[in-house]
Amino acid sequence: MTTAMLFAGGGQEEPAAVPAPAESAVGADGGNRVEIDTNWGVAWQFLEEEIEFTMWAPTTGWISIGFNPSRSMRDAAYILAYVDNGEVAIREDFGTGNTSHRADTSLGGAEQVRATAFREEGGTTYITFVLPLDSGDEYDAVFTPGGTYTLLAAYAGNGSKNFTSPHRTRKALQITL
């Protein structure tokens, strides 16, 4: 598990990188966001050589986003994460079939994702992470400002603190970063 900063009250001020679901369409950090459904969405901002995402969903289980499948789940680059006992577990996966994915490290790829903030609050999980714009890893997405991507978003049921539980809800949509 990767440990990052936990924002769960205690008088700490919530960082702009972890948007509350009720914020406007453009976050305070100048990033962009998409509301997928109630308490479910993703926000992003481009940094110098990286892109920062915050994803949130109404669950205490895992949450994920994936980019650019060729068909169903095949060939998509995924980030899956969950919060468990004050730590975040986060990994990169790659779509190996229409309904399957595996850790990209098991395929010969490298783990490029870095969690920077996370929390569970009121039944919603929030994870902020950073990825390189172009890692050079064949199992990772390449991110370009203004590029259009197929986004796959999913989350598991409450308490699914692993990377193997089936999703409870999933959705595919087009976004422009």
N, C-alpha and C. Protein backbone atom coordinates (compact mmCIF):
# COMPACT_ATOMS: atom_id res chain seq x y z
N MET A 1 0.84 -1.19 0.00
CA MET A 1 0.00 0.00 0.00
C MET A 1 0.87 1.24 0.00
N THR A 2 0.41 2.24 -0.69
CA THR A 2 1.07 3.54 -0.70
C THR A 2 0.42 4.42 0.35
N THR A 3 1.21 5.13 1.12
CA THR A 3 0.66 6.05 2.11
C THR A 3 0.78 7.47 1.59
N ALA A 4 -0.29 8.22 1.70
CA ALA A 4 -0.31 9.63 1.31
C ALA A 4 -1.03 10.38 2.41
N MET A 5 -1.29 11.66 2.18
CA MET A 5 -1.94 12.47 3.20
C MET A 5 -3.42 12.11 3.30
N LEU A 6 -3.92 12.01 4.49
CA LEU A 6 -5.32 11.71 4.74
C LEU A 6 -6.03 12.97 5.19
N PHE A 7 -7.13 13.29 4.53
CA PHE A 7 -7.91 14.47 4.89
C PHE A 7 -9.27 14.00 5.37
N ALA A 8 -9.42 13.92 6.66
CA ALA A 8 -10.68 13.44 7.23
C ALA A 8 -11.06 14.26 8.45
N GLY A 9 -11.04 15.54 8.31
CA GLY A 9 -11.43 16.39 9.43
C GLY A 9 -10.24 16.73 10.32
N GLY A 10 -10.43 16.74 11.60
CA GLY A 10 -9.36 17.01 12.53
C GLY A 10 -8.84 18.44 12.41
N GLY A 11 -9.67 19.34 11.88
CA GLY A 11 -9.26 20.73 11.77
C GLY A 11 -8.39 21.03 10.56
N GLN A 12 -8.05 20.01 9.76
CA GLN A 12 -7.24 20.27 8.58
C GLN A 12 -8.10 20.89 7.49
N GLU A 13 -7.53 21.81 6.78
CA GLU A 13 -8.23 22.44 5.67
C GLU A 13 -8.16 21.54 4.47
N GLU A 14 -9.28 21.33 3.79
CA GLU A 14 -9.31 20.48 2.61
C GLU A 14 -8.55 21.14 1.46
N PRO A 15 -7.64 20.43 0.81
CA PRO A 15 -6.88 21.01 -0.29
C PRO A 15 -7.76 21.15 -1.52
N ALA A 16 -7.40 22.08 -2.39
CA ALA A 16 -8.15 22.29 -3.63
C ALA A 16 -8.11 21.06 -4.51
N ALA A 17 -7.09 20.20 -4.38
CA ALA A 17 -6.95 19.02 -5.23
C ALA A 17 -8.00 17.95 -4.92
N VAL A 18 -8.68 18.04 -3.80
CA VAL A 18 -9.71 17.07 -3.45
C VAL A 18 -11.04 17.80 -3.41
N PRO A 19 -11.69 17.94 -4.58
CA PRO A 19 -12.90 18.76 -4.64
C PRO A 19 -14.08 18.09 -3.95
N ALA A 20 -14.88 18.89 -3.29
CA ALA A 20 -16.13 18.41 -2.74
C ALA A 20 -17.12 18.27 -3.88
N PRO A 21 -18.04 17.31 -3.82
CA PRO A 21 -18.95 17.09 -4.92
C PRO A 21 -19.81 18.30 -5.28
N ALA A 22 -20.01 19.23 -4.37
CA ALA A 22 -20.89 20.36 -4.66
C ALA A 22 -20.19 21.54 -5.32
N GLU A 23 -18.88 21.44 -5.61
CA GLU A 23 -18.18 22.57 -6.22
C GLU A 23 -18.65 22.78 -7.66
N SER A 24 -18.31 23.95 -8.22
CA SER A 24 -18.70 24.28 -9.58
C SER A 24 -17.96 23.41 -10.58
N ALA A 25 -18.31 23.54 -11.85
CA ALA A 25 -17.73 22.71 -12.91
C ALA A 25 -16.23 22.93 -13.07
N VAL A 26 -15.72 24.08 -12.72
CA VAL A 26 -14.27 24.32 -12.76
C VAL A 26 -13.80 24.50 -11.34
N GLY A 27 -12.88 23.63 -10.91
CA GLY A 27 -12.40 23.65 -9.54
C GLY A 27 -11.60 24.89 -9.22
N ALA A 28 -11.38 25.11 -7.95
CA ALA A 28 -10.63 26.28 -7.49
C ALA A 28 -9.19 26.26 -7.99
N ASP A 29 -8.69 25.07 -8.35
CA ASP A 29 -7.33 24.93 -8.83
C ASP A 29 -7.20 25.23 -10.33
N GLY A 30 -8.29 25.62 -10.99
CA GLY A 30 -8.25 25.91 -12.41
C GLY A 30 -8.39 24.66 -13.26
N GLY A 31 -8.60 23.51 -12.62
CA GLY A 31 -8.75 22.25 -13.36
C GLY A 31 -10.14 22.11 -13.93
N ASN A 32 -10.38 20.97 -14.50
CA ASN A 32 -11.67 20.64 -15.08
C ASN A 32 -12.26 19.46 -14.34
N ARG A 33 -13.57 19.25 -14.49
CA ARG A 33 -14.22 18.14 -13.82
C ARG A 33 -15.43 17.68 -14.60
N VAL A 34 -15.78 16.42 -14.36
CA VAL A 34 -16.97 15.82 -14.95
C VAL A 34 -17.75 15.16 -13.82
N GLU A 35 -19.00 15.49 -13.69
CA GLU A 35 -19.90 14.84 -12.74
C GLU A 35 -20.53 13.67 -13.49
N ILE A 36 -20.21 12.45 -13.07
CA ILE A 36 -20.74 11.26 -13.73
C ILE A 36 -22.15 10.98 -13.24
N ASP A 37 -22.35 11.13 -11.93
CA ASP A 37 -23.64 10.93 -11.30
C ASP A 37 -23.55 11.58 -9.92
N THR A 38 -24.56 11.43 -9.09
CA THR A 38 -24.56 12.03 -7.77
C THR A 38 -23.36 11.51 -6.96
N ASN A 39 -22.55 12.42 -6.44
CA ASN A 39 -21.35 12.10 -5.65
C ASN A 39 -20.35 11.24 -6.40
N TRP A 40 -20.34 11.29 -7.73
CA TRP A 40 -19.43 10.46 -8.52
C TRP A 40 -18.85 11.32 -9.64
N GLY A 41 -17.54 11.42 -9.68
CA GLY A 41 -16.94 12.24 -10.73
C GLY A 41 -15.44 12.15 -10.76
N VAL A 42 -14.88 12.97 -11.63
CA VAL A 42 -13.43 13.05 -11.80
C VAL A 42 -13.07 14.49 -12.14
N ALA A 43 -11.96 14.96 -11.57
CA ALA A 43 -11.43 16.29 -11.87
C ALA A 43 -9.97 16.12 -12.27
N TRP A 44 -9.44 17.05 -13.04
CA TRP A 44 -8.05 16.95 -13.47
C TRP A 44 -7.45 18.32 -13.71
N GLN A 45 -6.13 18.34 -13.65
CA GLN A 45 -5.39 19.54 -14.03
C GLN A 45 -4.03 19.10 -14.56
N PHE A 46 -3.55 19.80 -15.56
CA PHE A 46 -2.24 19.52 -16.13
C PHE A 46 -1.19 20.25 -15.31
N LEU A 47 -0.12 19.54 -14.98
CA LEU A 47 1.03 20.12 -14.32
C LEU A 47 2.14 20.18 -15.37
N GLU A 48 3.37 20.44 -15.02
CA GLU A 48 4.42 20.58 -16.01
C GLU A 48 4.60 19.33 -16.87
N GLU A 49 4.94 18.22 -16.27
CA GLU A 49 5.17 16.97 -17.00
C GLU A 49 4.23 15.87 -16.54
N GLU A 50 3.20 16.27 -15.78
CA GLU A 50 2.27 15.31 -15.20
C GLU A 50 0.84 15.81 -15.33
N ILE A 51 -0.07 14.90 -15.04
CA ILE A 51 -1.48 15.26 -14.93
C ILE A 51 -1.96 14.74 -13.57
N GLU A 52 -2.73 15.58 -12.89
CA GLU A 52 -3.27 15.22 -11.58
C GLU A 52 -4.77 14.98 -11.73
N PHE A 53 -5.21 13.85 -11.23
CA PHE A 53 -6.62 13.50 -11.23
C PHE A 53 -7.11 13.38 -9.79
N THR A 54 -8.35 13.75 -9.57
CA THR A 54 -9.07 13.39 -8.35
C THR A 54 -10.32 12.67 -8.80
N MET A 55 -10.51 11.48 -8.26
CA MET A 55 -11.75 10.74 -8.55
C MET A 55 -12.47 10.50 -7.24
N TRP A 56 -13.78 10.48 -7.31
CA TRP A 56 -14.58 10.23 -6.12
C TRP A 56 -15.82 9.45 -6.53
N ALA A 57 -16.33 8.64 -5.58
CA ALA A 57 -17.53 7.84 -5.85
C ALA A 57 -18.21 7.53 -4.52
N PRO A 58 -19.52 7.26 -4.57
CA PRO A 58 -20.28 7.01 -3.35
C PRO A 58 -20.12 5.57 -2.85
N THR A 59 -18.93 5.25 -2.39
CA THR A 59 -18.63 3.92 -1.88
C THR A 59 -17.48 4.00 -0.89
N THR A 60 -17.38 2.98 -0.04
CA THR A 60 -16.20 2.81 0.80
C THR A 60 -15.35 1.66 0.26
N GLY A 61 -15.64 1.22 -0.95
CA GLY A 61 -14.84 0.21 -1.64
C GLY A 61 -13.92 0.87 -2.65
N TRP A 62 -13.43 0.08 -3.61
CA TRP A 62 -12.51 0.61 -4.61
C TRP A 62 -13.23 1.50 -5.61
N ILE A 63 -12.47 2.43 -6.18
CA ILE A 63 -12.96 3.29 -7.26
C ILE A 63 -11.92 3.25 -8.37
N SER A 64 -12.35 3.51 -9.61
CA SER A 64 -11.38 3.45 -10.71
C SER A 64 -11.80 4.32 -11.88
N ILE A 65 -10.79 4.65 -12.67
CA ILE A 65 -11.01 5.23 -13.99
C ILE A 65 -10.06 4.55 -14.96
N GLY A 66 -10.50 4.47 -16.20
CA GLY A 66 -9.68 3.88 -17.26
C GLY A 66 -9.77 4.75 -18.50
N PHE A 67 -8.79 4.60 -19.37
CA PHE A 67 -8.71 5.46 -20.55
C PHE A 67 -8.55 4.65 -21.83
N ASN A 68 -9.34 5.00 -22.82
CA ASN A 68 -9.21 4.58 -24.21
C ASN A 68 -9.17 3.08 -24.46
N PRO A 69 -10.26 2.39 -24.12
CA PRO A 69 -10.31 0.97 -24.49
C PRO A 69 -10.48 0.84 -26.01
N SER A 70 -10.01 -0.26 -26.56
CA SER A 70 -10.25 -0.51 -27.98
C SER A 70 -11.63 -1.15 -28.17
N ARG A 71 -12.06 -1.95 -27.17
CA ARG A 71 -13.38 -2.57 -27.18
C ARG A 71 -13.69 -2.99 -25.75
N SER A 72 -14.86 -2.60 -25.26
CA SER A 72 -15.26 -2.88 -23.87
C SER A 72 -14.15 -2.43 -22.93
N MET A 73 -13.45 -3.37 -22.25
CA MET A 73 -12.36 -3.02 -21.34
C MET A 73 -10.98 -3.22 -21.96
N ARG A 74 -10.93 -3.89 -23.08
CA ARG A 74 -9.66 -4.26 -23.73
C ARG A 74 -8.81 -3.04 -24.04
N ASP A 75 -7.53 -3.12 -23.70
CA ASP A 75 -6.50 -2.13 -24.02
C ASP A 75 -6.62 -0.81 -23.25
N ALA A 76 -7.51 -0.72 -22.28
CA ALA A 76 -7.63 0.51 -21.49
C ALA A 76 -6.55 0.53 -20.40
N ALA A 77 -6.07 1.73 -20.09
CA ALA A 77 -5.15 1.95 -18.98
C ALA A 77 -5.99 2.37 -17.78
N TYR A 78 -5.91 1.62 -16.69
CA TYR A 78 -6.76 1.84 -15.52
C TYR A 78 -5.95 2.29 -14.31
N ILE A 79 -6.61 3.06 -13.46
CA ILE A 79 -6.13 3.35 -12.10
C ILE A 79 -7.23 2.87 -11.17
N LEU A 80 -6.88 1.99 -10.24
CA LEU A 80 -7.81 1.49 -9.22
C LEU A 80 -7.25 1.86 -7.86
N ALA A 81 -8.14 2.24 -6.93
CA ALA A 81 -7.66 2.64 -5.60
C ALA A 81 -8.76 2.47 -4.57
N TYR A 82 -8.32 2.29 -3.32
CA TYR A 82 -9.24 2.28 -2.19
C TYR A 82 -8.51 2.75 -0.95
N VAL A 83 -9.27 3.19 0.04
CA VAL A 83 -8.72 3.62 1.33
C VAL A 83 -9.01 2.51 2.33
N ASP A 84 -7.97 2.15 3.11
CA ASP A 84 -8.13 1.09 4.10
C ASP A 84 -7.24 1.37 5.30
N ASN A 85 -7.85 1.52 6.47
CA ASN A 85 -7.11 1.73 7.72
C ASN A 85 -6.10 2.86 7.64
N GLY A 86 -6.52 4.00 7.10
CA GLY A 86 -5.65 5.18 7.06
C GLY A 86 -4.58 5.15 5.98
N GLU A 87 -4.64 4.22 5.07
CA GLU A 87 -3.70 4.15 3.95
C GLU A 87 -4.47 4.02 2.65
N VAL A 88 -3.79 4.33 1.56
CA VAL A 88 -4.40 4.17 0.25
C VAL A 88 -3.68 3.04 -0.48
N ALA A 89 -4.45 2.18 -1.12
CA ALA A 89 -3.92 1.17 -2.02
C ALA A 89 -4.26 1.66 -3.42
N ILE A 90 -3.27 1.75 -4.30
CA ILE A 90 -3.50 2.26 -5.64
C ILE A 90 -2.62 1.49 -6.61
N ARG A 91 -3.15 1.17 -7.78
CA ARG A 91 -2.34 0.48 -8.77
C ARG A 91 -2.84 0.79 -10.17
N GLU A 92 -1.96 0.53 -11.12
CA GLU A 92 -2.28 0.65 -12.54
C GLU A 92 -2.59 -0.73 -13.09
N ASP A 93 -3.65 -0.82 -13.86
CA ASP A 93 -4.02 -2.05 -14.55
C ASP A 93 -4.12 -1.79 -16.04
N PHE A 94 -4.19 -2.87 -16.80
CA PHE A 94 -4.34 -2.78 -18.25
C PHE A 94 -5.41 -3.78 -18.66
N GLY A 95 -6.29 -3.36 -19.55
CA GLY A 95 -7.37 -4.21 -20.03
C GLY A 95 -6.84 -5.33 -20.92
N THR A 96 -6.87 -6.56 -20.42
CA THR A 96 -6.34 -7.70 -21.16
C THR A 96 -7.40 -8.42 -21.99
N GLY A 97 -8.65 -8.09 -21.78
CA GLY A 97 -9.75 -8.69 -22.53
C GLY A 97 -10.95 -7.78 -22.48
N ASN A 98 -12.03 -8.20 -23.11
CA ASN A 98 -13.24 -7.36 -23.13
C ASN A 98 -13.84 -7.17 -21.75
N THR A 99 -13.60 -8.12 -20.84
CA THR A 99 -14.14 -8.01 -19.48
C THR A 99 -13.08 -8.32 -18.42
N SER A 100 -11.82 -8.08 -18.74
CA SER A 100 -10.77 -8.41 -17.78
C SER A 100 -9.64 -7.38 -17.82
N HIS A 101 -8.93 -7.30 -16.69
CA HIS A 101 -7.76 -6.43 -16.59
C HIS A 101 -6.79 -7.06 -15.59
N ARG A 102 -5.53 -6.68 -15.70
CA ARG A 102 -4.49 -7.17 -14.79
C ARG A 102 -3.58 -6.01 -14.44
N ALA A 103 -2.87 -6.16 -13.31
CA ALA A 103 -1.87 -5.16 -12.93
C ALA A 103 -0.87 -5.04 -14.06
N ASP A 104 -0.57 -3.81 -14.50
CA ASP A 104 0.34 -3.69 -15.64
C ASP A 104 1.75 -4.16 -15.30
N THR A 105 2.11 -4.19 -14.01
CA THR A 105 3.42 -4.73 -13.64
C THR A 105 3.50 -6.22 -13.93
N SER A 106 2.37 -6.93 -13.87
CA SER A 106 2.36 -8.36 -14.18
C SER A 106 2.52 -8.61 -15.67
N LEU A 107 2.36 -7.57 -16.47
CA LEU A 107 2.51 -7.67 -17.92
C LEU A 107 3.86 -7.16 -18.41
N GLY A 108 4.68 -6.67 -17.47
CA GLY A 108 5.98 -6.12 -17.82
C GLY A 108 6.04 -4.60 -17.78
N GLY A 109 4.93 -3.96 -17.43
CA GLY A 109 4.91 -2.50 -17.30
C GLY A 109 5.47 -2.05 -15.96
N ALA A 110 5.52 -0.75 -15.77
CA ALA A 110 6.04 -0.18 -14.52
C ALA A 110 4.93 0.62 -13.83
N GLU A 111 4.94 0.63 -12.52
CA GLU A 111 3.98 1.39 -11.72
C GLU A 111 4.39 2.86 -11.76
N GLN A 112 3.58 3.71 -12.38
CA GLN A 112 3.89 5.13 -12.54
C GLN A 112 3.02 6.02 -11.65
N VAL A 113 1.92 5.51 -11.14
CA VAL A 113 0.95 6.31 -10.40
C VAL A 113 1.49 6.66 -9.01
N ARG A 114 1.16 7.87 -8.56
CA ARG A 114 1.56 8.35 -7.24
C ARG A 114 0.35 9.01 -6.57
N ALA A 115 -0.13 8.41 -5.49
CA ALA A 115 -1.25 9.00 -4.74
C ALA A 115 -0.73 10.19 -3.94
N THR A 116 -1.49 11.29 -3.96
CA THR A 116 -1.08 12.49 -3.23
C THR A 116 -2.04 12.88 -2.12
N ALA A 117 -3.28 12.42 -2.17
CA ALA A 117 -4.26 12.70 -1.12
C ALA A 117 -5.39 11.69 -1.24
N PHE A 118 -6.05 11.44 -0.10
CA PHE A 118 -7.16 10.50 -0.11
C PHE A 118 -7.98 10.68 1.15
N ARG A 119 -9.23 10.25 1.09
CA ARG A 119 -10.09 10.25 2.27
C ARG A 119 -11.38 9.53 1.97
N GLU A 120 -12.03 9.07 3.02
CA GLU A 120 -13.40 8.58 2.98
C GLU A 120 -14.20 9.49 3.88
N GLU A 121 -15.33 9.95 3.39
CA GLU A 121 -16.16 10.84 4.19
C GLU A 121 -17.61 10.67 3.79
N GLY A 122 -18.46 10.39 4.76
CA GLY A 122 -19.88 10.28 4.49
C GLY A 122 -20.23 9.23 3.44
N GLY A 123 -19.47 8.14 3.40
CA GLY A 123 -19.76 7.08 2.43
C GLY A 123 -19.20 7.33 1.05
N THR A 124 -18.42 8.41 0.88
CA THR A 124 -17.80 8.72 -0.42
C THR A 124 -16.29 8.62 -0.27
N THR A 125 -15.64 8.01 -1.26
CA THR A 125 -14.19 7.90 -1.29
C THR A 125 -13.63 8.90 -2.29
N TYR A 126 -12.56 9.59 -1.89
CA TYR A 126 -11.87 10.57 -2.73
C TYR A 126 -10.40 10.14 -2.84
N ILE A 127 -9.86 10.09 -4.03
CA ILE A 127 -8.45 9.75 -4.24
C ILE A 127 -7.87 10.76 -5.23
N THR A 128 -6.76 11.37 -4.88
CA THR A 128 -6.03 12.26 -5.79
C THR A 128 -4.70 11.58 -6.12
N PHE A 129 -4.36 11.55 -7.41
CA PHE A 129 -3.13 10.90 -7.84
C PHE A 129 -2.55 11.63 -9.04
N VAL A 130 -1.28 11.36 -9.29
CA VAL A 130 -0.54 12.00 -10.38
C VAL A 130 0.03 10.93 -11.29
N LEU A 131 -0.01 11.20 -12.59
CA LEU A 131 0.57 10.33 -13.61
C LEU A 131 1.44 11.16 -14.54
N PRO A 132 2.49 10.56 -15.12
CA PRO A 132 3.26 11.28 -16.14
C PRO A 132 2.39 11.50 -17.38
N LEU A 133 2.63 12.59 -18.09
CA LEU A 133 1.88 12.82 -19.34
C LEU A 133 2.18 11.72 -20.36
N ASP A 134 3.44 11.30 -20.42
CA ASP A 134 3.84 10.21 -21.32
C ASP A 134 4.94 9.43 -20.62
N SER A 135 4.59 8.30 -20.02
CA SER A 135 5.55 7.51 -19.25
C SER A 135 6.47 6.68 -20.14
N GLY A 136 6.08 6.48 -21.39
CA GLY A 136 6.82 5.59 -22.27
C GLY A 136 6.47 4.14 -22.06
N ASP A 137 5.58 3.84 -21.11
CA ASP A 137 5.13 2.49 -20.80
C ASP A 137 3.99 2.15 -21.76
N GLU A 138 4.08 1.04 -22.46
CA GLU A 138 3.05 0.67 -23.43
C GLU A 138 1.69 0.40 -22.80
N TYR A 139 1.64 0.22 -21.48
CA TYR A 139 0.39 -0.07 -20.79
C TYR A 139 -0.24 1.18 -20.17
N ASP A 140 0.35 2.35 -20.40
CA ASP A 140 -0.15 3.61 -19.85
C ASP A 140 -0.74 4.49 -20.94
N ALA A 141 -1.68 5.33 -20.57
CA ALA A 141 -2.24 6.32 -21.50
C ALA A 141 -1.25 7.48 -21.64
N VAL A 142 -1.30 8.14 -22.79
CA VAL A 142 -0.56 9.37 -23.04
C VAL A 142 -1.58 10.50 -22.96
N PHE A 143 -1.29 11.51 -22.15
CA PHE A 143 -2.24 12.59 -21.92
C PHE A 143 -1.78 13.87 -22.62
N THR A 144 -2.69 14.46 -23.40
CA THR A 144 -2.42 15.68 -24.15
C THR A 144 -3.51 16.71 -23.85
N PRO A 145 -3.13 17.93 -23.45
CA PRO A 145 -4.17 18.95 -23.24
C PRO A 145 -5.02 19.12 -24.51
N GLY A 146 -6.32 19.12 -24.35
CA GLY A 146 -7.24 19.25 -25.47
C GLY A 146 -7.57 17.93 -26.15
N GLY A 147 -6.92 16.84 -25.73
CA GLY A 147 -7.19 15.53 -26.32
C GLY A 147 -8.51 14.97 -25.83
N THR A 148 -9.18 14.20 -26.69
CA THR A 148 -10.44 13.56 -26.34
C THR A 148 -10.17 12.10 -26.00
N TYR A 149 -10.76 11.64 -24.91
CA TYR A 149 -10.52 10.31 -24.38
C TYR A 149 -11.84 9.63 -24.05
N THR A 150 -11.89 8.32 -24.24
CA THR A 150 -12.99 7.53 -23.69
C THR A 150 -12.61 7.22 -22.25
N LEU A 151 -13.45 7.64 -21.33
CA LEU A 151 -13.22 7.43 -19.90
C LEU A 151 -14.15 6.31 -19.43
N LEU A 152 -13.58 5.32 -18.78
CA LEU A 152 -14.35 4.26 -18.13
C LEU A 152 -14.26 4.51 -16.63
N ALA A 153 -15.38 4.68 -15.98
CA ALA A 153 -15.41 4.91 -14.54
C ALA A 153 -16.21 3.78 -13.90
N ALA A 154 -15.75 3.33 -12.74
CA ALA A 154 -16.45 2.25 -12.04
C ALA A 154 -16.15 2.34 -10.55
N TYR A 155 -17.02 1.70 -9.77
CA TYR A 155 -16.73 1.56 -8.34
C TYR A 155 -17.40 0.30 -7.82
N ALA A 156 -16.82 -0.22 -6.73
CA ALA A 156 -17.32 -1.44 -6.10
C ALA A 156 -18.24 -1.09 -4.95
N GLY A 157 -18.88 -2.10 -4.41
CA GLY A 157 -19.76 -1.92 -3.26
C GLY A 157 -18.99 -1.54 -2.01
N ASN A 158 -19.70 -1.02 -1.03
CA ASN A 158 -19.09 -0.63 0.24
C ASN A 158 -18.29 -1.78 0.83
N GLY A 159 -17.11 -1.45 1.34
CA GLY A 159 -16.27 -2.43 2.01
C GLY A 159 -15.40 -3.26 1.09
N SER A 160 -15.47 -3.08 -0.21
CA SER A 160 -14.65 -3.85 -1.16
C SER A 160 -13.24 -3.29 -1.18
N LYS A 161 -12.46 -3.70 -0.20
CA LYS A 161 -11.09 -3.19 0.00
C LYS A 161 -10.10 -4.14 -0.66
N ASN A 162 -10.21 -4.29 -1.97
CA ASN A 162 -9.33 -5.16 -2.74
C ASN A 162 -9.45 -4.76 -4.21
N PHE A 163 -8.68 -5.39 -5.05
CA PHE A 163 -8.73 -5.09 -6.48
C PHE A 163 -9.44 -6.20 -7.27
N THR A 164 -10.14 -7.09 -6.57
CA THR A 164 -10.76 -8.23 -7.25
C THR A 164 -12.28 -8.26 -7.16
N SER A 165 -12.89 -7.50 -6.26
CA SER A 165 -14.35 -7.48 -6.15
C SER A 165 -14.95 -6.91 -7.43
N PRO A 166 -16.08 -7.42 -7.86
CA PRO A 166 -16.71 -6.87 -9.07
C PRO A 166 -17.23 -5.46 -8.83
N HIS A 167 -17.38 -4.72 -9.91
CA HIS A 167 -17.90 -3.36 -9.79
C HIS A 167 -19.39 -3.41 -9.47
N ARG A 168 -19.84 -2.38 -8.77
CA ARG A 168 -21.26 -2.21 -8.49
C ARG A 168 -21.90 -1.38 -9.60
N THR A 169 -21.14 -0.39 -10.07
CA THR A 169 -21.63 0.53 -11.09
C THR A 169 -20.48 0.87 -12.02
N ARG A 170 -20.79 1.05 -13.29
CA ARG A 170 -19.78 1.46 -14.27
C ARG A 170 -20.42 2.37 -15.31
N LYS A 171 -19.58 3.16 -15.95
CA LYS A 171 -20.08 4.09 -16.96
C LYS A 171 -18.95 4.44 -17.91
N ALA A 172 -19.27 4.62 -19.16
CA ALA A 172 -18.31 5.06 -20.18
C ALA A 172 -18.78 6.40 -20.73
N LEU A 173 -17.84 7.33 -20.94
CA LEU A 173 -18.17 8.62 -21.50
C LEU A 173 -16.96 9.21 -22.22
N GLN A 174 -17.19 10.17 -23.07
CA GLN A 174 -16.12 10.89 -23.77
C GLN A 174 -15.81 12.17 -23.01
N ILE A 175 -14.53 12.45 -22.80
CA ILE A 175 -14.13 13.69 -22.16
C ILE A 175 -13.00 14.33 -22.97
N THR A 176 -12.90 15.63 -22.88
CA THR A 176 -11.78 16.35 -23.46
C THR A 176 -10.97 16.93 -22.31
N LEU A 177 -9.70 16.56 -22.25
CA LEU A 177 -8.85 17.02 -21.15
C LEU A 177 -8.30 18.39 -21.43
